């Protein structure tokens, strides 16, 4: 977070979590960036909504 906004995920941790769950690192690397982008945008919208 920076100034009350989420900038992104810890991608190394997310990759390790996926691997620990048995997912292919190649699939994780392909799918994680677009998922992260949506989640960051939605999280920041919620922060703005609640803190106006």
PDB file of N, CA and C in Angstrom:
ATOM      1  N   UNK A   1       0.843  -1.177   0.000  1.00  0.00           N
ATOM      2  CA  UNK A   1       0.000   0.000   0.000  1.00  0.00           C
ATOM      3  C   UNK A   1       0.886   1.237   0.000  1.00  0.00           C
ATOM      4  N   UNK A   2       0.358   2.253  -0.610  1.00  0.00           N
ATOM      5  CA  UNK A   2       1.056   3.520  -0.649  1.00  0.00           C
ATOM      6  C   UNK A   2       0.023   4.629  -0.618  1.00  0.00           C
ATOM      7  N   UNK A   3       0.077   5.464   0.400  1.00  0.00           N
ATOM      8  CA  UNK A   3      -0.858   6.572   0.490  1.00  0.00           C
ATOM      9  C   UNK A   3      -2.308   6.123   0.540  1.00  0.00           C
ATOM     10  N   UNK A   4      -2.570   4.961   1.116  1.00  0.00           N
ATOM     11  CA  UNK A   4      -3.933   4.467   1.223  1.00  0.00           C
ATOM     12  C   UNK A   4      -4.432   3.719   0.008  1.00  0.00           C
ATOM     13  N   UNK A   5      -3.537   3.393  -0.920  1.00  0.00           N
ATOM     14  CA  UNK A   5      -3.934   2.645  -2.114  1.00  0.00           C
ATOM     15  C   UNK A   5      -3.062   1.396  -2.258  1.00  0.00           C
ATOM     16  N   UNK A   6      -3.653   0.347  -2.766  1.00  0.00           N
ATOM     17  CA  UNK A   6      -2.919  -0.878  -3.047  1.00  0.00           C
ATOM     18  C   UNK A   6      -2.244  -0.722  -4.408  1.00  0.00           C
ATOM     19  N   UNK A   7      -0.953  -0.994  -4.472  1.00  0.00           N
ATOM     20  CA  UNK A   7      -0.212  -0.864  -5.728  1.00  0.00           C
ATOM     21  C   UNK A   7      -0.072  -2.187  -6.461  1.00  0.00           C
ATOM     22  N   UNK A   8      -0.079  -3.271  -5.730  1.00  0.00           N
ATOM     23  CA  UNK A   8       0.069  -4.572  -6.362  1.00  0.00           C
ATOM     24  C   UNK A   8       0.275  -5.655  -5.321  1.00  0.00           C
ATOM     25  N   UNK A   9       0.382  -6.869  -5.814  1.00  0.00           N
ATOM     26  CA  UNK A   9       0.592  -8.029  -4.960  1.00  0.00           C
ATOM     27  C   UNK A   9       2.064  -8.375  -4.901  1.00  0.00           C
ATOM     28  N   UNK A  10       2.436  -9.147  -3.901  1.00  0.00           N
ATOM     29  CA  UNK A  10       3.756  -9.753  -3.836  1.00  0.00           C
ATOM     30  C   UNK A  10       3.696 -10.964  -4.762  1.00  0.00           C
ATOM     31  N   UNK A  11       4.142 -10.781  -5.995  1.00  0.00           N
ATOM     32  CA  UNK A  11       3.986 -11.817  -7.017  1.00  0.00           C
ATOM     33  C   UNK A  11       4.821 -13.060  -6.700  1.00  0.00           C
ATOM     34  N   UNK A  12       5.968 -12.889  -6.073  1.00  0.00           N
ATOM     35  CA  UNK A  12       6.778 -14.061  -5.714  1.00  0.00           C
ATOM     36  C   UNK A  12       6.020 -14.918  -4.703  1.00  0.00           C
ATOM     37  N   UNK A  13       5.391 -14.271  -3.728  1.00  0.00           N
ATOM     38  CA  UNK A  13       4.615 -15.016  -2.737  1.00  0.00           C
ATOM     39  C   UNK A  13       3.401 -15.680  -3.375  1.00  0.00           C
ATOM     40  N   UNK A  14       2.746 -14.985  -4.282  1.00  0.00           N
ATOM     41  CA  UNK A  14       1.580 -15.555  -4.961  1.00  0.00           C
ATOM     42  C   UNK A  14       1.984 -16.763  -5.808  1.00  0.00           C
ATOM     43  N   UNK A  15       3.130 -16.666  -6.468  1.00  0.00           N
ATOM     44  CA  UNK A  15       3.627 -17.790  -7.264  1.00  0.00           C
ATOM     45  C   UNK A  15       3.946 -18.981  -6.371  1.00  0.00           C
ATOM     46  N   UNK A  16       4.612 -18.735  -5.246  1.00  0.00           N
ATOM     47  CA  UNK A  16       4.939 -19.812  -4.309  1.00  0.00           C
ATOM     48  C   UNK A  16       3.676 -20.460  -3.748  1.00  0.00           C
ATOM     49  N   UNK A  17       2.679 -19.664  -3.455  1.00  0.00           N
ATOM     50  CA  UNK A  17       1.416 -20.197  -2.947  1.00  0.00           C
ATOM     51  C   UNK A  17       0.770 -21.107  -3.991  1.00  0.00           C
ATOM     52  N   UNK A  18       0.744 -20.663  -5.232  1.00  0.00           N
ATOM     53  CA  UNK A  18       0.175 -21.482  -6.295  1.00  0.00           C
ATOM     54  C   UNK A  18       0.915 -22.796  -6.478  1.00  0.00           C
ATOM     55  N   UNK A  19       2.230 -22.727  -6.447  1.00  0.00           N
ATOM     56  CA  UNK A  19       3.038 -23.944  -6.579  1.00  0.00           C
ATOM     57  C   UNK A  19       2.763 -24.877  -5.402  1.00  0.00           C
ATOM     58  N   UNK A  20       2.671 -24.318  -4.194  1.00  0.00           N
ATOM     59  CA  UNK A  20       2.379 -25.131  -3.015  1.00  0.00           C
ATOM     60  C   UNK A  20       1.019 -25.807  -3.128  1.00  0.00           C
ATOM     61  N   UNK A  21       0.111 -25.176  -3.857  1.00  0.00           N
ATOM     62  CA  UNK A  21      -1.215 -25.760  -4.068  1.00  0.00           C
ATOM     63  C   UNK A  21      -1.227 -26.746  -5.236  1.00  0.00           C
ATOM     64  N   UNK A  22      -0.081 -26.924  -5.878  1.00  0.00           N
ATOM     65  CA  UNK A  22       0.032 -27.908  -6.943  1.00  0.00           C
ATOM     66  C   UNK A  22      -0.236 -27.378  -8.341  1.00  0.00           C
ATOM     67  N   UNK A  23      -0.275 -26.058  -8.491  1.00  0.00           N
ATOM     68  CA  UNK A  23      -0.521 -25.469  -9.812  1.00  0.00           C
ATOM     69  C   UNK A  23       0.786 -25.337 -10.595  1.00  0.00           C
ATOM     70  N   UNK A  24       0.680 -25.377 -11.892  1.00  0.00           N
ATOM     71  CA  UNK A  24       1.832 -25.217 -12.764  1.00  0.00           C
ATOM     72  C   UNK A  24       2.335 -23.775 -12.705  1.00  0.00           C
ATOM     73  N   UNK A  25       3.646 -23.581 -12.491  1.00  0.00           N
ATOM     74  CA  UNK A  25       4.190 -22.220 -12.489  1.00  0.00           C
ATOM     75  C   UNK A  25       3.919 -21.477 -13.800  1.00  0.00           C
ATOM     76  N   UNK A  26       3.877 -22.202 -14.914  1.00  0.00           N
ATOM     77  CA  UNK A  26       3.618 -21.568 -16.216  1.00  0.00           C
ATOM     78  C   UNK A  26       2.188 -21.026 -16.279  1.00  0.00           C
ATOM     79  N   UNK A  27       1.246 -21.790 -15.752  1.00  0.00           N
ATOM     80  CA  UNK A  27      -0.154 -21.351 -15.725  1.00  0.00           C
ATOM     81  C   UNK A  27      -0.310 -20.164 -14.777  1.00  0.00           C
ATOM     82  N   UNK A  28       0.326 -20.264 -13.620  1.00  0.00           N
ATOM     83  CA  UNK A  28       0.259 -19.168 -12.644  1.00  0.00           C
ATOM     84  C   UNK A  28       0.803 -17.885 -13.261  1.00  0.00           C
ATOM     85  N   UNK A  29       1.954 -17.975 -13.914  1.00  0.00           N
ATOM     86  CA  UNK A  29       2.580 -16.796 -14.523  1.00  0.00           C
ATOM     87  C   UNK A  29       1.701 -16.191 -15.614  1.00  0.00           C
ATOM     88  N   UNK A  30       0.922 -17.020 -16.270  1.00  0.00           N
ATOM     89  CA  UNK A  30       0.034 -16.534 -17.334  1.00  0.00           C
ATOM     90  C   UNK A  30      -1.226 -15.881 -16.768  1.00  0.00           C
ATOM     91  N   UNK A  31      -1.787 -16.460 -15.729  1.00  0.00           N
ATOM     92  CA  UNK A  31      -3.079 -16.007 -15.223  1.00  0.00           C
ATOM     93  C   UNK A  31      -2.989 -14.951 -14.114  1.00  0.00           C
ATOM     94  N   UNK A  32      -1.912 -14.959 -13.355  1.00  0.00           N
ATOM     95  CA  UNK A  32      -1.831 -14.079 -12.197  1.00  0.00           C
ATOM     96  C   UNK A  32      -1.832 -12.584 -12.529  1.00  0.00           C
ATOM     97  N   UNK A  33      -1.077 -12.101 -13.510  1.00  0.00           N
ATOM     98  CA  UNK A  33      -1.077 -10.649 -13.774  1.00  0.00           C
ATOM     99  C   UNK A  33      -2.454 -10.055 -14.079  1.00  0.00           C
ATOM    100  N   UNK A  34      -3.271 -10.665 -14.945  1.00  0.00           N
ATOM    101  CA  UNK A  34      -4.588 -10.051 -15.171  1.00  0.00           C
ATOM    102  C   UNK A  34      -5.501 -10.145 -13.944  1.00  0.00           C
ATOM    103  N   UNK A  35      -5.369 -11.217 -13.173  1.00  0.00           N
ATOM    104  CA  UNK A  35      -6.162 -11.331 -11.938  1.00  0.00           C
ATOM    105  C   UNK A  35      -5.732 -10.255 -10.959  1.00  0.00           C
ATOM    106  N   UNK A  36      -4.429 -10.058 -10.816  1.00  0.00           N
ATOM    107  CA  UNK A  36      -3.906  -9.034  -9.913  1.00  0.00           C
ATOM    108  C   UNK A  36      -4.427  -7.648 -10.303  1.00  0.00           C
ATOM    109  N   UNK A  37      -4.409  -7.347 -11.588  1.00  0.00           N
ATOM    110  CA  UNK A  37      -4.848  -6.026 -12.049  1.00  0.00           C
ATOM    111  C   UNK A  37      -6.297  -5.748 -11.659  1.00  0.00           C
ATOM    112  N   UNK A  38      -7.162  -6.730 -11.836  1.00  0.00           N
ATOM    113  CA  UNK A  38      -8.577  -6.557 -11.477  1.00  0.00           C
ATOM    114  C   UNK A  38      -8.728  -6.425  -9.962  1.00  0.00           C
ATOM    115  N   UNK A  39      -8.039  -7.268  -9.207  1.00  0.00           N
ATOM    116  CA  UNK A  39      -8.163  -7.238  -7.755  1.00  0.00           C
ATOM    117  C   UNK A  39      -7.638  -5.928  -7.161  1.00  0.00           C
ATOM    118  N   UNK A  40      -6.538  -5.430  -7.684  1.00  0.00           N
ATOM    119  CA  UNK A  40      -5.991  -4.157  -7.202  1.00  0.00           C
ATOM    120  C   UNK A  40      -6.970  -3.023  -7.499  1.00  0.00           C
ATOM    121  N   UNK A  41      -7.511  -3.007  -8.714  1.00  0.00           N
ATOM    122  CA  UNK A  41      -8.461  -1.961  -9.085  1.00  0.00           C
ATOM    123  C   UNK A  41      -9.699  -2.010  -8.193  1.00  0.00           C
ATOM    124  N   UNK A  42     -10.252  -3.193  -7.974  1.00  0.00           N
ATOM    125  CA  UNK A  42     -11.459  -3.335  -7.156  1.00  0.00           C
ATOM    126  C   UNK A  42     -11.173  -3.005  -5.690  1.00  0.00           C
ATOM    127  N   UNK A  43     -10.021  -3.419  -5.188  1.00  0.00           N
ATOM    128  CA  UNK A  43      -9.661  -3.108  -3.801  1.00  0.00           C
ATOM    129  C   UNK A  43      -9.542  -1.608  -3.613  1.00  0.00           C
ATOM    130  N   UNK A  44      -8.900  -0.927  -4.555  1.00  0.00           N
ATOM    131  CA  UNK A  44      -8.757   0.521  -4.451  1.00  0.00           C
ATOM    132  C   UNK A  44     -10.106   1.231  -4.570  1.00  0.00           C
ATOM    133  N   UNK A  45     -10.999   0.698  -5.374  1.00  0.00           N
ATOM    134  CA  UNK A  45     -12.346   1.274  -5.449  1.00  0.00           C
ATOM    135  C   UNK A  45     -13.063   1.144  -4.105  1.00  0.00           C
ATOM    136  N   UNK A  46     -12.913   0.004  -3.453  1.00  0.00           N
ATOM    137  CA  UNK A  46     -13.532  -0.200  -2.138  1.00  0.00           C
ATOM    138  C   UNK A  46     -12.936   0.716  -1.088  1.00  0.00           C
ATOM    139  N   UNK A  47     -11.607   0.885  -1.118  1.00  0.00           N
ATOM    140  CA  UNK A  47     -10.942   1.798  -0.180  1.00  0.00           C
ATOM    141  C   UNK A  47     -11.480   3.210  -0.380  1.00  0.00           C
ATOM    142  N   UNK A  48     -11.567   3.648  -1.623  1.00  0.00           N
ATOM    143  CA  UNK A  48     -12.072   5.002  -1.923  1.00  0.00           C
ATOM    144  C   UNK A  48     -13.523   5.142  -1.492  1.00  0.00           C
ATOM    145  N   UNK A  49     -14.316   4.124  -1.725  1.00  0.00           N
ATOM    146  CA  UNK A  49     -15.729   4.165  -1.347  1.00  0.00           C
ATOM    147  C   UNK A  49     -15.907   4.307   0.159  1.00  0.00           C
ATOM    148  N   UNK A  50     -15.099   3.606   0.931  1.00  0.00           N
ATOM    149  CA  UNK A  50     -15.244   3.616   2.384  1.00  0.00           C
ATOM    150  C   UNK A  50     -14.564   4.810   3.040  1.00  0.00           C
ATOM    151  N   UNK A  51     -13.606   5.424   2.357  1.00  0.00           N
ATOM    152  CA  UNK A  51     -12.861   6.537   2.949  1.00  0.00           C
ATOM    153  C   UNK A  51     -13.121   7.865   2.233  1.00  0.00           C
ATOM    154  N   UNK A  52     -13.938   7.788   1.155  1.00  0.00           N
ATOM    155  CA  UNK A  52     -14.351   8.960   0.415  1.00  0.00           C
ATOM    156  C   UNK A  52     -13.267   9.881   0.123  1.00  0.00           C
TER     157      UNK A  52
END
